[in-house]
Amino acid sequence: MTIHGPQLTPAIKELQRNIEALNNQQFINVFQDRSLIKLPLQSVSRFYTANKRLYCETTTGAYLVHSHLHTLMDQLPPHQFLRISSSEIVRIACVKNFTLTKWGSFQVNLTTGTTTYASRRYTQQIRKAAQL
């Protein structure tokens, strides 16, 4: 596919990234009730740890992931996912908005209705991602 325009604007760059993501759709192996499921990354809203296990959340439910969060972050497309704390990664397209709390951290509201909080350690990365 070829995109023609007078100049390379941020909107055209975003369109290019979205088209590339559709062409190179990636999958992640998850588990539910001891069954292996190949899940497209586009359906994932967030990855989070709970009870020393890593979970993947989608609109259809939560799935167990046999990996570590830091390893998973290296494998995910950086323009699609954002680490917001030491225990959570969110898909940027699923972020509805960020709200600054009175403690200086961000409240992250997802389009799925889930509300979570970012740690202050990742505040600078979130601000960079919000300006993209």
N, C-alpha and C. Protein backbone atom coordinates (compact mmCIF):
# COMPACT_ATOMS: atom_id res chain seq x y z
N MET A 1 0.84 -1.17 0.00
CA MET A 1 0.00 0.00 0.00
C MET A 1 0.89 1.23 0.00
N THR A 2 0.49 2.23 -0.75
CA THR A 2 1.23 3.47 -0.84
C THR A 2 0.36 4.61 -0.34
N ILE A 3 0.95 5.47 0.48
CA ILE A 3 0.25 6.64 1.01
C ILE A 3 0.89 7.88 0.39
N HIS A 4 0.07 8.72 -0.24
CA HIS A 4 0.57 9.94 -0.85
C HIS A 4 0.00 11.14 -0.10
N GLY A 5 0.83 12.12 0.13
CA GLY A 5 0.39 13.33 0.80
C GLY A 5 1.42 14.42 0.62
N PRO A 6 1.06 15.68 0.88
CA PRO A 6 2.00 16.79 0.68
C PRO A 6 3.20 16.71 1.62
N GLN A 7 2.99 16.20 2.84
CA GLN A 7 4.09 16.05 3.78
C GLN A 7 3.77 14.93 4.77
N LEU A 8 4.79 14.46 5.45
CA LEU A 8 4.62 13.38 6.41
C LEU A 8 4.20 13.96 7.76
N THR A 9 2.90 13.98 8.00
CA THR A 9 2.35 14.55 9.23
C THR A 9 2.23 13.47 10.29
N PRO A 10 2.03 13.86 11.55
CA PRO A 10 1.82 12.85 12.60
C PRO A 10 0.61 11.95 12.33
N ALA A 11 -0.42 12.48 11.71
CA ALA A 11 -1.60 11.66 11.39
C ALA A 11 -1.26 10.59 10.35
N ILE A 12 -0.44 10.95 9.37
CA ILE A 12 -0.04 9.97 8.35
C ILE A 12 0.89 8.93 8.97
N LYS A 13 1.77 9.35 9.89
CA LYS A 13 2.64 8.39 10.58
C LYS A 13 1.80 7.40 11.39
N GLU A 14 0.78 7.88 12.05
CA GLU A 14 -0.10 7.00 12.84
C GLU A 14 -0.85 6.04 11.93
N LEU A 15 -1.32 6.52 10.79
CA LEU A 15 -1.99 5.67 9.82
C LEU A 15 -1.04 4.58 9.32
N GLN A 16 0.20 4.96 9.07
CA GLN A 16 1.20 4.00 8.62
C GLN A 16 1.43 2.92 9.68
N ARG A 17 1.56 3.31 10.94
CA ARG A 17 1.76 2.35 12.03
C ARG A 17 0.58 1.40 12.16
N ASN A 18 -0.63 1.93 12.02
CA ASN A 18 -1.84 1.10 12.13
C ASN A 18 -1.92 0.09 11.00
N ILE A 19 -1.57 0.50 9.80
CA ILE A 19 -1.59 -0.42 8.65
C ILE A 19 -0.53 -1.50 8.82
N GLU A 20 0.66 -1.09 9.29
CA GLU A 20 1.71 -2.08 9.53
C GLU A 20 1.30 -3.07 10.61
N ALA A 21 0.61 -2.59 11.63
CA ALA A 21 0.17 -3.48 12.70
C ALA A 21 -0.84 -4.50 12.19
N LEU A 22 -1.71 -4.07 11.28
CA LEU A 22 -2.67 -5.01 10.70
C LEU A 22 -1.98 -6.06 9.83
N ASN A 23 -0.99 -5.62 9.09
CA ASN A 23 -0.25 -6.55 8.22
C ASN A 23 0.61 -7.52 9.02
N ASN A 24 1.16 -7.04 10.11
CA ASN A 24 2.05 -7.86 10.93
C ASN A 24 1.38 -8.23 12.25
N GLN A 25 0.13 -8.63 12.18
CA GLN A 25 -0.61 -8.93 13.40
C GLN A 25 0.12 -10.02 14.18
N GLN A 26 0.38 -9.72 15.42
CA GLN A 26 1.11 -10.64 16.26
C GLN A 26 0.16 -11.34 17.22
N PHE A 27 0.60 -12.48 17.69
CA PHE A 27 -0.19 -13.28 18.61
C PHE A 27 0.61 -13.55 19.87
N ILE A 28 -0.10 -13.85 20.94
CA ILE A 28 0.53 -14.25 22.19
C ILE A 28 -0.15 -15.53 22.66
N ASN A 29 0.66 -16.44 23.19
CA ASN A 29 0.12 -17.68 23.72
C ASN A 29 -0.31 -17.47 25.16
N VAL A 30 -1.56 -17.74 25.45
CA VAL A 30 -2.12 -17.60 26.80
C VAL A 30 -2.81 -18.91 27.19
N PHE A 31 -3.13 -19.01 28.45
CA PHE A 31 -3.76 -20.22 28.95
C PHE A 31 -5.05 -19.88 29.69
N GLN A 32 -6.05 -20.74 29.50
CA GLN A 32 -7.29 -20.63 30.24
C GLN A 32 -7.76 -22.06 30.52
N ASP A 33 -7.91 -22.39 31.78
CA ASP A 33 -8.31 -23.74 32.19
C ASP A 33 -7.40 -24.80 31.58
N ARG A 34 -6.10 -24.56 31.63
CA ARG A 34 -5.07 -25.47 31.11
C ARG A 34 -5.11 -25.66 29.59
N SER A 35 -5.86 -24.83 28.90
CA SER A 35 -5.92 -24.89 27.44
C SER A 35 -5.10 -23.74 26.87
N LEU A 36 -4.28 -24.06 25.87
CA LEU A 36 -3.47 -23.06 25.20
C LEU A 36 -4.31 -22.35 24.15
N ILE A 37 -4.27 -21.01 24.18
CA ILE A 37 -5.03 -20.20 23.23
C ILE A 37 -4.06 -19.23 22.58
N LYS A 38 -4.16 -19.09 21.27
CA LYS A 38 -3.35 -18.12 20.51
C LYS A 38 -4.20 -16.86 20.37
N LEU A 39 -3.84 -15.82 21.09
CA LEU A 39 -4.64 -14.60 21.17
C LEU A 39 -3.97 -13.47 20.40
N PRO A 40 -4.71 -12.75 19.52
CA PRO A 40 -4.10 -11.61 18.82
C PRO A 40 -3.80 -10.47 19.79
N LEU A 41 -2.66 -9.85 19.64
CA LEU A 41 -2.28 -8.74 20.52
C LEU A 41 -3.26 -7.58 20.44
N GLN A 42 -3.95 -7.43 19.31
CA GLN A 42 -4.90 -6.33 19.15
C GLN A 42 -6.10 -6.47 20.10
N SER A 43 -6.35 -7.66 20.62
CA SER A 43 -7.48 -7.85 21.52
C SER A 43 -7.10 -7.63 22.98
N VAL A 44 -5.82 -7.44 23.26
CA VAL A 44 -5.34 -7.27 24.64
C VAL A 44 -5.49 -5.81 25.07
N SER A 45 -6.06 -5.59 26.26
CA SER A 45 -6.14 -4.24 26.79
C SER A 45 -5.02 -3.95 27.78
N ARG A 46 -4.60 -4.98 28.54
CA ARG A 46 -3.50 -4.79 29.47
C ARG A 46 -2.92 -6.12 29.93
N PHE A 47 -1.70 -6.05 30.42
CA PHE A 47 -1.03 -7.16 31.09
C PHE A 47 -0.78 -6.71 32.51
N TYR A 48 -1.04 -7.57 33.48
CA TYR A 48 -0.82 -7.20 34.88
C TYR A 48 -0.44 -8.43 35.70
N THR A 49 0.23 -8.19 36.82
CA THR A 49 0.59 -9.27 37.71
C THR A 49 -0.33 -9.26 38.92
N ALA A 50 -0.69 -10.45 39.35
CA ALA A 50 -1.49 -10.64 40.55
C ALA A 50 -1.15 -12.01 41.11
N ASN A 51 -0.94 -12.09 42.41
CA ASN A 51 -0.58 -13.35 43.07
C ASN A 51 0.64 -14.02 42.43
N LYS A 52 1.63 -13.21 42.08
CA LYS A 52 2.88 -13.67 41.48
C LYS A 52 2.70 -14.36 40.13
N ARG A 53 1.62 -14.03 39.44
CA ARG A 53 1.37 -14.57 38.10
C ARG A 53 1.07 -13.42 37.15
N LEU A 54 1.35 -13.64 35.88
CA LEU A 54 1.10 -12.63 34.86
C LEU A 54 -0.19 -12.95 34.12
N TYR A 55 -1.05 -11.95 34.01
CA TYR A 55 -2.33 -12.12 33.33
C TYR A 55 -2.45 -11.15 32.17
N CYS A 56 -3.26 -11.53 31.22
CA CYS A 56 -3.56 -10.73 30.05
C CYS A 56 -5.07 -10.48 30.08
N GLU A 57 -5.47 -9.22 29.99
CA GLU A 57 -6.90 -8.88 30.05
C GLU A 57 -7.41 -8.47 28.68
N THR A 58 -8.56 -9.03 28.30
CA THR A 58 -9.24 -8.67 27.06
C THR A 58 -10.69 -8.37 27.41
N THR A 59 -11.48 -8.05 26.41
CA THR A 59 -12.91 -7.80 26.66
C THR A 59 -13.64 -9.10 27.01
N THR A 60 -13.05 -10.24 26.65
CA THR A 60 -13.70 -11.52 26.92
C THR A 60 -13.26 -12.15 28.23
N GLY A 61 -12.24 -11.60 28.89
CA GLY A 61 -11.80 -12.14 30.16
C GLY A 61 -10.31 -12.01 30.38
N ALA A 62 -9.84 -12.65 31.44
CA ALA A 62 -8.42 -12.63 31.78
C ALA A 62 -7.82 -14.00 31.52
N TYR A 63 -6.59 -13.99 31.02
CA TYR A 63 -5.90 -15.22 30.66
C TYR A 63 -4.54 -15.25 31.33
N LEU A 64 -4.05 -16.42 31.64
CA LEU A 64 -2.75 -16.59 32.25
C LEU A 64 -1.68 -16.59 31.17
N VAL A 65 -0.58 -15.88 31.43
CA VAL A 65 0.54 -15.82 30.50
C VAL A 65 1.76 -16.42 31.18
N HIS A 66 2.40 -17.38 30.53
CA HIS A 66 3.59 -18.01 31.09
C HIS A 66 4.82 -17.24 30.63
N SER A 67 5.05 -16.10 31.24
CA SER A 67 6.19 -15.25 30.92
C SER A 67 6.40 -14.29 32.09
N HIS A 68 7.44 -13.51 32.01
CA HIS A 68 7.69 -12.46 33.00
C HIS A 68 7.38 -11.12 32.34
N LEU A 69 6.96 -10.16 33.14
CA LEU A 69 6.55 -8.86 32.60
C LEU A 69 7.70 -8.15 31.88
N HIS A 70 8.89 -8.18 32.44
CA HIS A 70 10.03 -7.50 31.80
C HIS A 70 10.42 -8.17 30.49
N THR A 71 10.28 -9.48 30.41
CA THR A 71 10.57 -10.20 29.17
C THR A 71 9.51 -9.89 28.13
N LEU A 72 8.27 -9.85 28.57
CA LEU A 72 7.15 -9.57 27.66
C LEU A 72 7.26 -8.16 27.08
N MET A 73 7.66 -7.20 27.89
CA MET A 73 7.77 -5.82 27.41
C MET A 73 8.78 -5.70 26.28
N ASP A 74 9.84 -6.49 26.32
CA ASP A 74 10.85 -6.47 25.25
C ASP A 74 10.30 -7.05 23.95
N GLN A 75 9.29 -7.92 24.04
CA GLN A 75 8.74 -8.58 22.86
C GLN A 75 7.56 -7.82 22.25
N LEU A 76 6.93 -6.94 23.02
CA LEU A 76 5.76 -6.21 22.53
C LEU A 76 6.17 -5.04 21.65
N PRO A 77 5.32 -4.67 20.67
CA PRO A 77 5.62 -3.49 19.84
C PRO A 77 5.60 -2.22 20.71
N PRO A 78 6.68 -1.45 20.74
CA PRO A 78 6.76 -0.30 21.64
C PRO A 78 5.77 0.81 21.32
N HIS A 79 5.32 0.91 20.07
CA HIS A 79 4.36 1.97 19.73
C HIS A 79 2.92 1.57 20.07
N GLN A 80 2.71 0.33 20.53
CA GLN A 80 1.36 -0.13 20.88
C GLN A 80 1.16 -0.32 22.37
N PHE A 81 2.25 -0.57 23.12
CA PHE A 81 2.12 -0.87 24.54
C PHE A 81 2.99 0.06 25.36
N LEU A 82 2.52 0.34 26.58
CA LEU A 82 3.19 1.28 27.47
C LEU A 82 3.24 0.68 28.87
N ARG A 83 4.43 0.67 29.44
CA ARG A 83 4.56 0.18 30.81
C ARG A 83 4.22 1.33 31.75
N ILE A 84 3.28 1.08 32.67
CA ILE A 84 2.84 2.16 33.57
C ILE A 84 3.26 1.92 35.01
N SER A 85 3.71 0.71 35.32
CA SER A 85 4.21 0.41 36.66
C SER A 85 5.06 -0.85 36.58
N SER A 86 5.63 -1.24 37.70
CA SER A 86 6.46 -2.44 37.70
C SER A 86 5.62 -3.70 37.56
N SER A 87 4.30 -3.56 37.64
CA SER A 87 3.43 -4.73 37.56
C SER A 87 2.36 -4.63 36.47
N GLU A 88 2.48 -3.63 35.58
CA GLU A 88 1.42 -3.47 34.58
C GLU A 88 1.89 -2.82 33.28
N ILE A 89 1.35 -3.35 32.17
CA ILE A 89 1.56 -2.81 30.84
C ILE A 89 0.18 -2.63 30.22
N VAL A 90 -0.07 -1.48 29.59
CA VAL A 90 -1.36 -1.24 28.94
C VAL A 90 -1.16 -1.02 27.45
N ARG A 91 -2.20 -1.36 26.68
CA ARG A 91 -2.17 -1.08 25.25
C ARG A 91 -2.60 0.37 25.07
N ILE A 92 -1.83 1.15 24.37
CA ILE A 92 -2.06 2.60 24.24
C ILE A 92 -3.42 2.88 23.63
N ALA A 93 -3.85 2.07 22.68
CA ALA A 93 -5.15 2.29 22.03
C ALA A 93 -6.32 2.08 23.00
N CYS A 94 -6.10 1.39 24.09
CA CYS A 94 -7.17 1.15 25.07
C CYS A 94 -7.21 2.19 26.18
N VAL A 95 -6.30 3.15 26.16
CA VAL A 95 -6.28 4.19 27.18
C VAL A 95 -7.30 5.26 26.81
N LYS A 96 -8.28 5.43 27.66
CA LYS A 96 -9.30 6.46 27.45
C LYS A 96 -8.73 7.83 27.81
N ASN A 97 -8.14 7.92 29.01
CA ASN A 97 -7.49 9.16 29.43
C ASN A 97 -6.61 8.92 30.65
N PHE A 98 -5.77 9.89 30.94
CA PHE A 98 -4.93 9.90 32.12
C PHE A 98 -5.42 11.05 33.00
N THR A 99 -5.50 10.80 34.28
CA THR A 99 -5.87 11.84 35.23
C THR A 99 -4.75 11.95 36.26
N LEU A 100 -4.25 13.15 36.47
CA LEU A 100 -3.20 13.37 37.45
C LEU A 100 -3.82 13.40 38.84
N THR A 101 -3.32 12.56 39.74
CA THR A 101 -3.84 12.52 41.10
C THR A 101 -3.13 13.56 41.96
N LYS A 102 -3.66 13.81 43.13
CA LYS A 102 -3.04 14.79 44.01
C LYS A 102 -1.72 14.30 44.60
N TRP A 103 -1.42 13.01 44.43
CA TRP A 103 -0.17 12.45 44.91
C TRP A 103 0.92 12.51 43.85
N GLY A 104 0.58 12.99 42.65
CA GLY A 104 1.57 13.13 41.59
C GLY A 104 1.67 11.95 40.65
N SER A 105 0.83 10.97 40.82
CA SER A 105 0.84 9.83 39.89
C SER A 105 -0.36 9.95 38.95
N PHE A 106 -0.40 9.09 37.96
CA PHE A 106 -1.48 9.12 36.99
C PHE A 106 -2.50 8.02 37.26
N GLN A 107 -3.76 8.39 37.18
CA GLN A 107 -4.83 7.40 37.16
C GLN A 107 -5.08 7.10 35.69
N VAL A 108 -5.08 5.83 35.33
CA VAL A 108 -5.24 5.43 33.95
C VAL A 108 -6.62 4.81 33.77
N ASN A 109 -7.44 5.45 32.95
CA ASN A 109 -8.78 4.94 32.67
C ASN A 109 -8.77 4.29 31.29
N LEU A 110 -9.15 3.03 31.25
CA LEU A 110 -9.15 2.28 30.00
C LEU A 110 -10.54 2.28 29.37
N THR A 111 -10.60 2.05 28.09
CA THR A 111 -11.87 2.03 27.37
C THR A 111 -12.73 0.84 27.79
N THR A 112 -12.13 -0.14 28.44
CA THR A 112 -12.88 -1.30 28.93
C THR A 112 -13.60 -1.02 30.23
N GLY A 113 -13.36 0.15 30.82
CA GLY A 113 -13.97 0.51 32.09
C GLY A 113 -13.06 0.26 33.27
N THR A 114 -11.92 -0.34 33.04
CA THR A 114 -10.95 -0.62 34.11
C THR A 114 -10.20 0.66 34.46
N THR A 115 -10.01 0.87 35.75
CA THR A 115 -9.21 1.99 36.23
C THR A 115 -8.02 1.44 36.97
N THR A 116 -6.85 1.94 36.66
CA THR A 116 -5.62 1.49 37.32
C THR A 116 -4.75 2.71 37.56
N TYR A 117 -3.65 2.52 38.25
CA TYR A 117 -2.78 3.63 38.58
C TYR A 117 -1.36 3.37 38.10
N ALA A 118 -0.73 4.42 37.63
CA ALA A 118 0.65 4.34 37.19
C ALA A 118 1.54 4.79 38.34
N SER A 119 2.69 4.18 38.45
CA SER A 119 3.62 4.60 39.50
C SER A 119 4.38 5.84 39.04
N ARG A 120 4.87 6.60 40.01
CA ARG A 120 5.59 7.83 39.69
C ARG A 120 6.89 7.55 38.93
N ARG A 121 7.41 6.35 39.08
CA ARG A 121 8.63 5.97 38.39
C ARG A 121 8.45 6.02 36.87
N TYR A 122 7.24 5.76 36.39
CA TYR A 122 6.97 5.70 34.96
C TYR A 122 6.27 6.97 34.44
N THR A 123 6.17 8.00 35.25
CA THR A 123 5.48 9.23 34.87
C THR A 123 6.10 9.88 33.63
N GLN A 124 7.41 9.91 33.57
CA GLN A 124 8.09 10.56 32.43
C GLN A 124 7.79 9.81 31.12
N GLN A 125 7.79 8.50 31.16
CA GLN A 125 7.49 7.70 29.96
C GLN A 125 6.04 7.93 29.51
N ILE A 126 5.14 8.07 30.47
CA ILE A 126 3.73 8.30 30.15
C ILE A 126 3.57 9.67 29.51
N ARG A 127 4.25 10.66 30.02
CA ARG A 127 4.16 12.00 29.43
C ARG A 127 4.69 12.01 28.00
N LYS A 128 5.76 11.28 27.74
CA LYS A 128 6.29 11.18 26.37
C LYS A 128 5.28 10.51 25.46
N ALA A 129 4.68 9.44 25.92
CA ALA A 129 3.70 8.71 25.11
C ALA A 129 2.46 9.54 24.86
N ALA A 130 2.07 10.37 25.80
CA ALA A 130 0.88 11.21 25.64
C ALA A 130 1.09 12.30 24.60
N GLN A 131 2.34 12.67 24.34
CA GLN A 131 2.63 13.71 23.36
C GLN A 131 2.80 13.16 21.95
N LEU A 132 2.77 11.85 21.77
CA LEU A 132 2.93 11.26 20.44
C LEU A 132 1.74 11.54 19.56
